[in-house]
Amino acid sequence: ENLIFWRLSTKVAKQALLGDKIDIVNVEKIVIVGRK
């Protein structure tokens, strides 16, 4: 909720490559920034 989409994605990708199991909940509330 209220996290910026691309910043979240890069952090998740890095953590997954390091071996962490990641669960993301409420993905429908993630914010995509930029002009609509």
PDB file of all heavy atoms in Angstrom:
ATOM      1  N   GLU A   1       0.827  -1.206   0.000  1.00  0.00           N
ATOM      2  CA  GLU A   1       0.000   0.000   0.000  1.00  0.00           C
ATOM      3  C   GLU A   1       0.862   1.257   0.000  1.00  0.00           C
ATOM      4  O   GLU A   1       1.761   1.420   0.826  1.00  0.00           O
ATOM      5  CB  GLU A   1      -0.911   0.002   1.223  1.00  0.00           C
ATOM      6  CG  GLU A   1      -1.963   1.082   1.178  1.00  0.00           C
ATOM      7  CD  GLU A   1      -2.989   0.906   2.286  1.00  0.00           C
ATOM      8  OE1 GLU A   1      -2.914  -0.085   3.022  1.00  0.00           O
ATOM      9  OE2 GLU A   1      -3.843   1.776   2.389  1.00  0.00           O
ATOM     10  N   ASN A   2       0.612   2.150  -0.961  1.00  0.00           N
ATOM     11  CA  ASN A   2       1.276   3.449  -1.113  1.00  0.00           C
ATOM     12  C   ASN A   2       2.783   3.348  -1.366  1.00  0.00           C
ATOM     13  O   ASN A   2       3.516   4.288  -1.095  1.00  0.00           O
ATOM     14  CB  ASN A   2       1.018   4.351   0.086  1.00  0.00           C
ATOM     15  CG  ASN A   2      -0.437   4.713   0.211  1.00  0.00           C
ATOM     16  OD1 ASN A   2      -1.150   4.831  -0.792  1.00  0.00           O
ATOM     17  ND2 ASN A   2      -0.909   4.875   1.428  1.00  0.00           N
ATOM     18  N   LEU A   3       3.260   2.233  -1.890  1.00  0.00           N
ATOM     19  CA  LEU A   3       4.660   2.125  -2.280  1.00  0.00           C
ATOM     20  C   LEU A   3       4.797   2.413  -3.772  1.00  0.00           C
ATOM     21  O   LEU A   3       3.900   2.115  -4.556  1.00  0.00           O
ATOM     22  CB  LEU A   3       5.206   0.730  -1.981  1.00  0.00           C
ATOM     23  CG  LEU A   3       5.322   0.352  -0.515  1.00  0.00           C
ATOM     24  CD1 LEU A   3       5.862  -1.059  -0.383  1.00  0.00           C
ATOM     25  CD2 LEU A   3       6.219   1.307   0.221  1.00  0.00           C
ATOM     26  N   ILE A   4       5.916   2.984  -4.171  1.00  0.00           N
ATOM     27  CA  ILE A   4       6.153   3.312  -5.571  1.00  0.00           C
ATOM     28  C   ILE A   4       6.566   2.041  -6.305  1.00  0.00           C
ATOM     29  O   ILE A   4       7.459   1.317  -5.869  1.00  0.00           O
ATOM     30  CB  ILE A   4       7.207   4.420  -5.699  1.00  0.00           C
ATOM     31  CG1 ILE A   4       6.671   5.690  -5.032  1.00  0.00           C
ATOM     32  CG2 ILE A   4       7.544   4.681  -7.153  1.00  0.00           C
ATOM     33  CD1 ILE A   4       7.656   6.806  -4.947  1.00  0.00           C
ATOM     34  N   PHE A   5       5.907   1.780  -7.412  1.00  0.00           N
ATOM     35  CA  PHE A   5       5.990   0.514  -8.121  1.00  0.00           C
ATOM     36  C   PHE A   5       7.412   0.141  -8.534  1.00  0.00           C
ATOM     37  O   PHE A   5       7.890  -0.943  -8.238  1.00  0.00           O
ATOM     38  CB  PHE A   5       5.072   0.583  -9.342  1.00  0.00           C
ATOM     39  CG  PHE A   5       5.052  -0.655 -10.165  1.00  0.00           C
ATOM     40  CD1 PHE A   5       4.724  -1.864  -9.614  1.00  0.00           C
ATOM     41  CD2 PHE A   5       5.347  -0.601 -11.514  1.00  0.00           C
ATOM     42  CE1 PHE A   5       4.693  -3.014 -10.372  1.00  0.00           C
ATOM     43  CE2 PHE A   5       5.317  -1.731 -12.285  1.00  0.00           C
ATOM     44  CZ  PHE A   5       4.987  -2.941 -11.705  1.00  0.00           C
ATOM     45  N   TRP A   6       8.124   1.036  -9.218  1.00  0.00           N
ATOM     46  CA  TRP A   6       9.436   0.678  -9.760  1.00  0.00           C
ATOM     47  C   TRP A   6      10.478   0.552  -8.667  1.00  0.00           C
ATOM     48  O   TRP A   6      11.360  -0.294  -8.737  1.00  0.00           O
ATOM     49  CB  TRP A   6       9.867   1.681 -10.819  1.00  0.00           C
ATOM     50  CG  TRP A   6       8.907   1.691 -11.950  1.00  0.00           C
ATOM     51  CD1 TRP A   6       8.076   2.714 -12.303  1.00  0.00           C
ATOM     52  CD2 TRP A   6       8.607   0.621 -12.852  1.00  0.00           C
ATOM     53  NE1 TRP A   6       7.298   2.333 -13.374  1.00  0.00           N
ATOM     54  CE2 TRP A   6       7.602   1.055 -13.725  1.00  0.00           C
ATOM     55  CE3 TRP A   6       9.099  -0.668 -13.000  1.00  0.00           C
ATOM     56  CZ2 TRP A   6       7.082   0.264 -14.740  1.00  0.00           C
ATOM     57  CZ3 TRP A   6       8.577  -1.469 -13.998  1.00  0.00           C
ATOM     58  CH2 TRP A   6       7.581  -0.997 -14.860  1.00  0.00           C
ATOM     59  N   ARG A   7      10.394   1.379  -7.614  1.00  0.00           N
ATOM     60  CA  ARG A   7      11.353   1.264  -6.507  1.00  0.00           C
ATOM     61  C   ARG A   7      11.155  -0.048  -5.761  1.00  0.00           C
ATOM     62  O   ARG A   7      12.113  -0.724  -5.386  1.00  0.00           O
ATOM     63  CB  ARG A   7      11.190   2.439  -5.549  1.00  0.00           C
ATOM     64  CG  ARG A   7      11.671   3.728  -6.134  1.00  0.00           C
ATOM     65  CD  ARG A   7      11.560   4.847  -5.150  1.00  0.00           C
ATOM     66  NE  ARG A   7      11.888   6.110  -5.799  1.00  0.00           N
ATOM     67  CZ  ARG A   7      11.788   7.275  -5.219  1.00  0.00           C
ATOM     68  NH1 ARG A   7      11.352   7.353  -3.974  1.00  0.00           N
ATOM     69  NH2 ARG A   7      12.097   8.370  -5.858  1.00  0.00           N
ATOM     70  N   LEU A   8       9.894  -0.406  -5.553  1.00  0.00           N
ATOM     71  CA  LEU A   8       9.588  -1.677  -4.899  1.00  0.00           C
ATOM     72  C   LEU A   8      10.100  -2.849  -5.730  1.00  0.00           C
ATOM     73  O   LEU A   8      10.708  -3.781  -5.201  1.00  0.00           O
ATOM     74  CB  LEU A   8       8.075  -1.796  -4.694  1.00  0.00           C
ATOM     75  CG  LEU A   8       7.561  -3.151  -4.235  1.00  0.00           C
ATOM     76  CD1 LEU A   8       7.951  -3.389  -2.790  1.00  0.00           C
ATOM     77  CD2 LEU A   8       6.076  -3.235  -4.419  1.00  0.00           C
ATOM     78  N   SER A   9       9.885  -2.783  -7.031  1.00  0.00           N
ATOM     79  CA  SER A   9      10.284  -3.882  -7.920  1.00  0.00           C
ATOM     80  C   SER A   9      11.786  -4.106  -7.907  1.00  0.00           C
ATOM     81  O   SER A   9      12.248  -5.254  -7.865  1.00  0.00           O
ATOM     82  CB  SER A   9       9.823  -3.604  -9.346  1.00  0.00           C
ATOM     83  OG  SER A   9       8.430  -3.486  -9.392  1.00  0.00           O
ATOM     84  N   THR A  10      12.567  -3.043  -7.922  1.00  0.00           N
ATOM     85  CA  THR A  10      14.016  -3.211  -7.935  1.00  0.00           C
ATOM     86  C   THR A  10      14.514  -3.797  -6.621  1.00  0.00           C
ATOM     87  O   THR A  10      15.380  -4.671  -6.612  1.00  0.00           O
ATOM     88  CB  THR A  10      14.742  -1.888  -8.210  1.00  0.00           C
ATOM     89  OG1 THR A  10      14.320  -0.911  -7.259  1.00  0.00           O
ATOM     90  CG2 THR A  10      14.465  -1.397  -9.602  1.00  0.00           C
ATOM     91  N   LYS A  11      13.940  -3.357  -5.499  1.00  0.00           N
ATOM     92  CA  LYS A  11      14.369  -3.895  -4.210  1.00  0.00           C
ATOM     93  C   LYS A  11      13.998  -5.363  -4.081  1.00  0.00           C
ATOM     94  O   LYS A  11      14.782  -6.170  -3.570  1.00  0.00           O
ATOM     95  CB  LYS A  11      13.748  -3.087  -3.079  1.00  0.00           C
ATOM     96  CG  LYS A  11      14.375  -1.720  -2.929  1.00  0.00           C
ATOM     97  CD  LYS A  11      13.844  -0.977  -1.746  1.00  0.00           C
ATOM     98  CE  LYS A  11      14.514   0.386  -1.671  1.00  0.00           C
ATOM     99  NZ  LYS A  11      14.108   1.142  -0.497  1.00  0.00           N
ATOM    100  N   VAL A  12      12.806  -5.719  -4.547  1.00  0.00           N
ATOM    101  CA  VAL A  12      12.367  -7.111  -4.476  1.00  0.00           C
ATOM    102  C   VAL A  12      13.254  -7.994  -5.350  1.00  0.00           C
ATOM    103  O   VAL A  12      13.648  -9.093  -4.951  1.00  0.00           O
ATOM    104  CB  VAL A  12      10.885  -7.223  -4.880  1.00  0.00           C
ATOM    105  CG1 VAL A  12      10.485  -8.662  -5.120  1.00  0.00           C
ATOM    106  CG2 VAL A  12      10.000  -6.604  -3.817  1.00  0.00           C
ATOM    107  N   ALA A  13      13.586  -7.519  -6.546  1.00  0.00           N
ATOM    108  CA  ALA A  13      14.429  -8.305  -7.445  1.00  0.00           C
ATOM    109  C   ALA A  13      15.810  -8.545  -6.833  1.00  0.00           C
ATOM    110  O   ALA A  13      16.337  -9.663  -6.892  1.00  0.00           O
ATOM    111  CB  ALA A  13      14.559  -7.593  -8.790  1.00  0.00           C
ATOM    112  N   LYS A  14      16.388  -7.523  -6.229  1.00  0.00           N
ATOM    113  CA  LYS A  14      17.707  -7.677  -5.598  1.00  0.00           C
ATOM    114  C   LYS A  14      17.658  -8.663  -4.441  1.00  0.00           C
ATOM    115  O   LYS A  14      18.537  -9.510  -4.288  1.00  0.00           O
ATOM    116  CB  LYS A  14      18.220  -6.327  -5.107  1.00  0.00           C
ATOM    117  CG  LYS A  14      18.693  -5.419  -6.207  1.00  0.00           C
ATOM    118  CD  LYS A  14      19.166  -4.101  -5.652  1.00  0.00           C
ATOM    119  CE  LYS A  14      19.523  -3.135  -6.757  1.00  0.00           C
ATOM    120  NZ  LYS A  14      19.917  -1.826  -6.228  1.00  0.00           N
ATOM    121  N   GLN A  15      16.619  -8.558  -3.600  1.00  0.00           N
ATOM    122  CA  GLN A  15      16.505  -9.456  -2.448  1.00  0.00           C
ATOM    123  C   GLN A  15      16.279 -10.900  -2.882  1.00  0.00           C
ATOM    124  O   GLN A  15      16.783 -11.829  -2.264  1.00  0.00           O
ATOM    125  CB  GLN A  15      15.367  -9.002  -1.530  1.00  0.00           C
ATOM    126  CG  GLN A  15      15.674  -7.736  -0.768  1.00  0.00           C
ATOM    127  CD  GLN A  15      16.884  -7.909   0.146  1.00  0.00           C
ATOM    128  OE1 GLN A  15      17.023  -8.919   0.830  1.00  0.00           O
ATOM    129  NE2 GLN A  15      17.760  -6.915   0.140  1.00  0.00           N
ATOM    130  N   ALA A  16      15.501 -11.090  -3.962  1.00  0.00           N
ATOM    131  CA  ALA A  16      15.247 -12.448  -4.452  1.00  0.00           C
ATOM    132  C   ALA A  16      16.525 -13.075  -5.001  1.00  0.00           C
ATOM    133  O   ALA A  16      16.760 -14.269  -4.822  1.00  0.00           O
ATOM    134  CB  ALA A  16      14.161 -12.422  -5.528  1.00  0.00           C
ATOM    135  N   LEU A  17      17.358 -12.281  -5.642  1.00  0.00           N
ATOM    136  CA  LEU A  17      18.626 -12.800  -6.144  1.00  0.00           C
ATOM    137  C   LEU A  17      19.569 -13.182  -5.008  1.00  0.00           C
ATOM    138  O   LEU A  17      20.403 -14.073  -5.157  1.00  0.00           O
ATOM    139  CB  LEU A  17      19.301 -11.780  -7.061  1.00  0.00           C
ATOM    140  CG  LEU A  17      18.704 -11.663  -8.464  1.00  0.00           C
ATOM    141  CD1 LEU A  17      19.330 -10.501  -9.207  1.00  0.00           C
ATOM    142  CD2 LEU A  17      18.882 -12.946  -9.230  1.00  0.00           C
ATOM    143  N   LEU A  18      19.421 -12.510  -3.867  1.00  0.00           N
ATOM    144  CA  LEU A  18      20.249 -12.832  -2.706  1.00  0.00           C
ATOM    145  C   LEU A  18      19.753 -14.070  -1.964  1.00  0.00           C
ATOM    146  O   LEU A  18      20.432 -14.577  -1.084  1.00  0.00           O
ATOM    147  CB  LEU A  18      20.294 -11.643  -1.748  1.00  0.00           C
ATOM    148  CG  LEU A  18      21.025 -10.409  -2.275  1.00  0.00           C
ATOM    149  CD1 LEU A  18      20.901  -9.262  -1.286  1.00  0.00           C
ATOM    150  CD2 LEU A  18      22.482 -10.728  -2.536  1.00  0.00           C
ATOM    151  N   GLY A  19      18.537 -14.544  -2.290  1.00  0.00           N
ATOM    152  CA  GLY A  19      18.051 -15.782  -1.704  1.00  0.00           C
ATOM    153  C   GLY A  19      16.890 -15.642  -0.741  1.00  0.00           C
ATOM    154  O   GLY A  19      16.492 -16.622  -0.122  1.00  0.00           O
ATOM    155  N   ASP A  20      16.323 -14.447  -0.597  1.00  0.00           N
ATOM    156  CA  ASP A  20      15.193 -14.260   0.312  1.00  0.00           C
ATOM    157  C   ASP A  20      13.891 -14.654  -0.355  1.00  0.00           C
ATOM    158  O   ASP A  20      13.700 -14.420  -1.554  1.00  0.00           O
ATOM    159  CB  ASP A  20      15.089 -12.798   0.752  1.00  0.00           C
ATOM    160  CG  ASP A  20      16.257 -12.372   1.606  1.00  0.00           C
ATOM    161  OD1 ASP A  20      16.954 -13.263   2.120  1.00  0.00           O
ATOM    162  OD2 ASP A  20      16.461 -11.161   1.760  1.00  0.00           O
ATOM    163  N   LYS A  21      12.972 -15.227   0.423  1.00  0.00           N
ATOM    164  CA  LYS A  21      11.626 -15.499  -0.063  1.00  0.00           C
ATOM    165  C   LYS A  21      10.787 -14.269   0.240  1.00  0.00           C
ATOM    166  O   LYS A  21      10.773 -13.794   1.372  1.00  0.00           O
ATOM    167  CB  LYS A  21      11.026 -16.718   0.636  1.00  0.00           C
ATOM    168  CG  LYS A  21       9.669 -17.072   0.094  1.00  0.00           C
ATOM    169  CD  LYS A  21       9.135 -18.310   0.758  1.00  0.00           C
ATOM    170  CE  LYS A  21       7.774 -18.712   0.280  1.00  0.00           C
ATOM    171  NZ  LYS A  21       6.917 -17.702  -0.243  1.00  0.00           N
ATOM    172  N   ILE A  22      10.088 -13.744  -0.762  1.00  0.00           N
ATOM    173  CA  ILE A  22       9.394 -12.482  -0.625  1.00  0.00           C
ATOM    174  C   ILE A  22       7.921 -12.659  -0.973  1.00  0.00           C
ATOM    175  O   ILE A  22       7.581 -13.212  -2.022  1.00  0.00           O
ATOM    176  CB  ILE A  22      10.030 -11.416  -1.536  1.00  0.00           C
ATOM    177  CG1 ILE A  22      11.488 -11.239  -1.164  1.00  0.00           C
ATOM    178  CG2 ILE A  22       9.282 -10.106  -1.448  1.00  0.00           C
ATOM    179  CD1 ILE A  22      12.300 -10.501  -2.149  1.00  0.00           C
ATOM    180  N   ASP A  23       7.049 -12.165  -0.091  1.00  0.00           N
ATOM    181  CA  ASP A  23       5.614 -12.129  -0.330  1.00  0.00           C
ATOM    182  C   ASP A  23       5.187 -10.669  -0.355  1.00  0.00           C
ATOM    183  O   ASP A  23       5.437  -9.922   0.594  1.00  0.00           O
ATOM    184  CB  ASP A  23       4.851 -12.857   0.772  1.00  0.00           C
ATOM    185  CG  ASP A  23       5.159 -14.339   0.799  1.00  0.00           C
ATOM    186  OD1 ASP A  23       5.349 -14.906  -0.284  1.00  0.00           O
ATOM    187  OD2 ASP A  23       5.199 -14.920   1.895  1.00  0.00           O
ATOM    188  N   ILE A  24       4.516 -10.264  -1.429  1.00  0.00           N
ATOM    189  CA  ILE A  24       4.019  -8.902  -1.551  1.00  0.00           C
ATOM    190  C   ILE A  24       2.502  -8.966  -1.456  1.00  0.00           C
ATOM    191  O   ILE A  24       1.856  -9.655  -2.251  1.00  0.00           O
ATOM    192  CB  ILE A  24       4.435  -8.268  -2.886  1.00  0.00           C
ATOM    193  CG1 ILE A  24       5.935  -8.355  -3.081  1.00  0.00           C
ATOM    194  CG2 ILE A  24       3.977  -6.816  -2.950  1.00  0.00           C
ATOM    195  CD1 ILE A  24       6.397  -7.967  -4.456  1.00  0.00           C
ATOM    196  N   VAL A  25       1.923  -8.265  -0.490  1.00  0.00           N
ATOM    197  CA  VAL A  25       0.474  -8.243  -0.332  1.00  0.00           C
ATOM    198  C   VAL A  25      -0.054  -6.859  -0.698  1.00  0.00           C
ATOM    199  O   VAL A  25       0.685  -5.879  -0.691  1.00  0.00           O
ATOM    200  CB  VAL A  25       0.053  -8.626   1.107  1.00  0.00           C
ATOM    201  CG1 VAL A  25       0.418 -10.061   1.402  1.00  0.00           C
ATOM    202  CG2 VAL A  25       0.680  -7.717   2.123  1.00  0.00           C
ATOM    203  N   ASN A  26      -1.330  -6.797  -1.025  1.00  0.00           N
ATOM    204  CA  ASN A  26      -2.006  -5.567  -1.452  1.00  0.00           C
ATOM    205  C   ASN A  26      -1.345  -4.959  -2.694  1.00  0.00           C
ATOM    206  O   ASN A  26      -1.077  -3.763  -2.746  1.00  0.00           O
ATOM    207  CB  ASN A  26      -2.060  -4.529  -0.333  1.00  0.00           C
ATOM    208  CG  ASN A  26      -3.043  -4.899   0.742  1.00  0.00           C
ATOM    209  OD1 ASN A  26      -3.997  -5.632   0.497  1.00  0.00           O
ATOM    210  ND2 ASN A  26      -2.823  -4.401   1.936  1.00  0.00           N
ATOM    211  N   VAL A  27      -1.098  -5.770  -3.695  1.00  0.00           N
ATOM    212  CA  VAL A  27      -0.454  -5.247  -4.901  1.00  0.00           C
ATOM    213  C   VAL A  27      -1.372  -4.311  -5.680  1.00  0.00           C
ATOM    214  O   VAL A  27      -0.885  -3.497  -6.462  1.00  0.00           O
ATOM    215  CB  VAL A  27       0.033  -6.384  -5.830  1.00  0.00           C
ATOM    216  CG1 VAL A  27       1.148  -7.154  -5.191  1.00  0.00           C
ATOM    217  CG2 VAL A  27      -1.074  -7.287  -6.248  1.00  0.00           C
ATOM    218  N   GLU A  28      -2.672  -4.380  -5.459  1.00  0.00           N
ATOM    219  CA  GLU A  28      -3.581  -3.490  -6.174  1.00  0.00           C
ATOM    220  C   GLU A  28      -3.486  -2.054  -5.668  1.00  0.00           C
ATOM    221  O   GLU A  28      -3.947  -1.131  -6.330  1.00  0.00           O
ATOM    222  CB  GLU A  28      -5.025  -3.992  -6.083  1.00  0.00           C
ATOM    223  CG  GLU A  28      -5.698  -3.790  -4.749  1.00  0.00           C
ATOM    224  CD  GLU A  28      -5.411  -4.883  -3.747  1.00  0.00           C
ATOM    225  OE1 GLU A  28      -4.599  -5.787  -4.022  1.00  0.00           O
ATOM    226  OE2 GLU A  28      -5.995  -4.823  -2.656  1.00  0.00           O
ATOM    227  N   LYS A  29      -2.823  -1.838  -4.523  1.00  0.00           N
ATOM    228  CA  LYS A  29      -2.697  -0.499  -3.951  1.00  0.00           C
ATOM    229  C   LYS A  29      -1.320   0.115  -4.184  1.00  0.00           C
ATOM    230  O   LYS A  29      -1.012   1.171  -3.651  1.00  0.00           O
ATOM    231  CB  LYS A  29      -3.003  -0.552  -2.456  1.00  0.00           C
ATOM    232  CG  LYS A  29      -4.442  -0.943  -2.181  1.00  0.00           C
ATOM    233  CD  LYS A  29      -4.720  -0.981  -0.711  1.00  0.00           C
ATOM    234  CE  LYS A  29      -6.152  -1.426  -0.467  1.00  0.00           C
ATOM    235  NZ  LYS A  29      -6.431  -1.547   0.965  1.00  0.00           N
ATOM    236  N   ILE A  30      -0.483  -0.536  -4.977  1.00  0.00           N
ATOM    237  CA  ILE A  30       0.830   0.008  -5.314  1.00  0.00           C
ATOM    238  C   ILE A  30       0.643   1.187  -6.276  1.00  0.00           C
ATOM    239  O   ILE A  30      -0.211   1.152  -7.163  1.00  0.00           O
ATOM    240  CB  ILE A  30       1.711  -1.081  -5.943  1.00  0.00           C
ATOM    241  CG1 ILE A  30       2.051  -2.143  -4.907  1.00  0.00           C
ATOM    242  CG2 ILE A  30       2.992  -0.486  -6.514  1.00  0.00           C
ATOM    243  CD1 ILE A  30       2.812  -3.316  -5.458  1.00  0.00           C
ATOM    244  N   VAL A  31       1.451   2.212  -6.115  1.00  0.00           N
ATOM    245  CA  VAL A  31       1.311   3.446  -6.884  1.00  0.00           C
ATOM    246  C   VAL A  31       2.281   3.438  -8.065  1.00  0.00           C
ATOM    247  O   VAL A  31       3.477   3.205  -7.888  1.00  0.00           O
ATOM    248  CB  VAL A  31       1.591   4.673  -5.988  1.00  0.00           C
ATOM    249  CG1 VAL A  31       1.483   5.957  -6.779  1.00  0.00           C
ATOM    250  CG2 VAL A  31       0.655   4.680  -4.801  1.00  0.00           C
ATOM    251  N   ILE A  32       1.747   3.705  -9.259  1.00  0.00           N
ATOM    252  CA  ILE A  32       2.589   3.877 -10.440  1.00  0.00           C
ATOM    253  C   ILE A  32       2.731   5.367 -10.668  1.00  0.00           C
ATOM    254  O   ILE A  32       1.736   6.066 -10.857  1.00  0.00           O
ATOM    255  CB  ILE A  32       1.965   3.204 -11.679  1.00  0.00           C
ATOM    256  CG1 ILE A  32       1.839   1.708 -11.447  1.00  0.00           C
ATOM    257  CG2 ILE A  32       2.797   3.496 -12.920  1.00  0.00           C
ATOM    258  CD1 ILE A  32       1.150   0.974 -12.558  1.00  0.00           C
ATOM    259  N   VAL A  33       3.966   5.865 -10.625  1.00  0.00           N
ATOM    260  CA  VAL A  33       4.185   7.300 -10.755  1.00  0.00           C
ATOM    261  C   VAL A  33       4.379   7.666 -12.224  1.00  0.00           C
ATOM    262  O   VAL A  33       4.772   6.837 -13.041  1.00  0.00           O
ATOM    263  CB  VAL A  33       5.396   7.780  -9.923  1.00  0.00           C
ATOM    264  CG1 VAL A  33       5.125   7.610  -8.456  1.00  0.00           C
ATOM    265  CG2 VAL A  33       6.641   7.057 -10.317  1.00  0.00           C
ATOM    266  N   GLY A  34       4.105   8.906 -12.525  1.00  0.00           N
ATOM    267  CA  GLY A  34       4.241   9.402 -13.883  1.00  0.00           C
ATOM    268  C   GLY A  34       2.943  10.061 -14.325  1.00  0.00           C
ATOM    269  O   GLY A  34       1.921   9.969 -13.648  1.00  0.00           O
ATOM    270  N   ARG A  35       2.994  10.729 -15.443  1.00  0.00           N
ATOM    271  CA  ARG A  35       1.786  11.355 -15.963  1.00  0.00           C
ATOM    272  C   ARG A  35       0.824  10.277 -16.450  1.00  0.00           C
ATOM    273  O   ARG A  35       1.218   9.345 -17.159  1.00  0.00           O
ATOM    274  CB  ARG A  35       2.135  12.313 -17.095  1.00  0.00           C
ATOM    275  CG  ARG A  35       2.862  13.535 -16.593  1.00  0.00           C
ATOM    276  CD  ARG A  35       2.869  14.710 -17.557  1.00  0.00           C
ATOM    277  NE  ARG A  35       2.538  14.401 -18.914  1.00  0.00           N
ATOM    278  CZ  ARG A  35       3.333  14.589 -19.954  1.00  0.00           C
ATOM    279  NH1 ARG A  35       4.543  15.056 -19.765  1.00  0.00           N
ATOM    280  NH2 ARG A  35       2.930  14.311 -21.171  1.00  0.00           N
ATOM    281  N   LYS A  36      -0.409  10.408 -16.083  1.00  0.00           N
ATOM    282  CA  LYS A  36      -1.418   9.392 -16.374  1.00  0.00           C
ATOM    283  C   LYS A  36      -1.559   9.155 -17.873  1.00  0.00           C
ATOM    284  O   LYS A  36      -1.673   8.014 -18.325  1.00  0.00           O
ATOM    285  CB  LYS A  36      -2.757   9.833 -15.780  1.00  0.00           C
ATOM    286  CG  LYS A  36      -3.845   8.818 -15.887  1.00  0.00           C
ATOM    287  CD  LYS A  36      -5.088   9.331 -15.183  1.00  0.00           C
ATOM    288  CE  LYS A  36      -6.203   8.333 -15.271  1.00  0.00           C
ATOM    289  NZ  LYS A  36      -7.403   8.796 -14.571  1.00  0.00           N
TER     290      LYS A  36
END
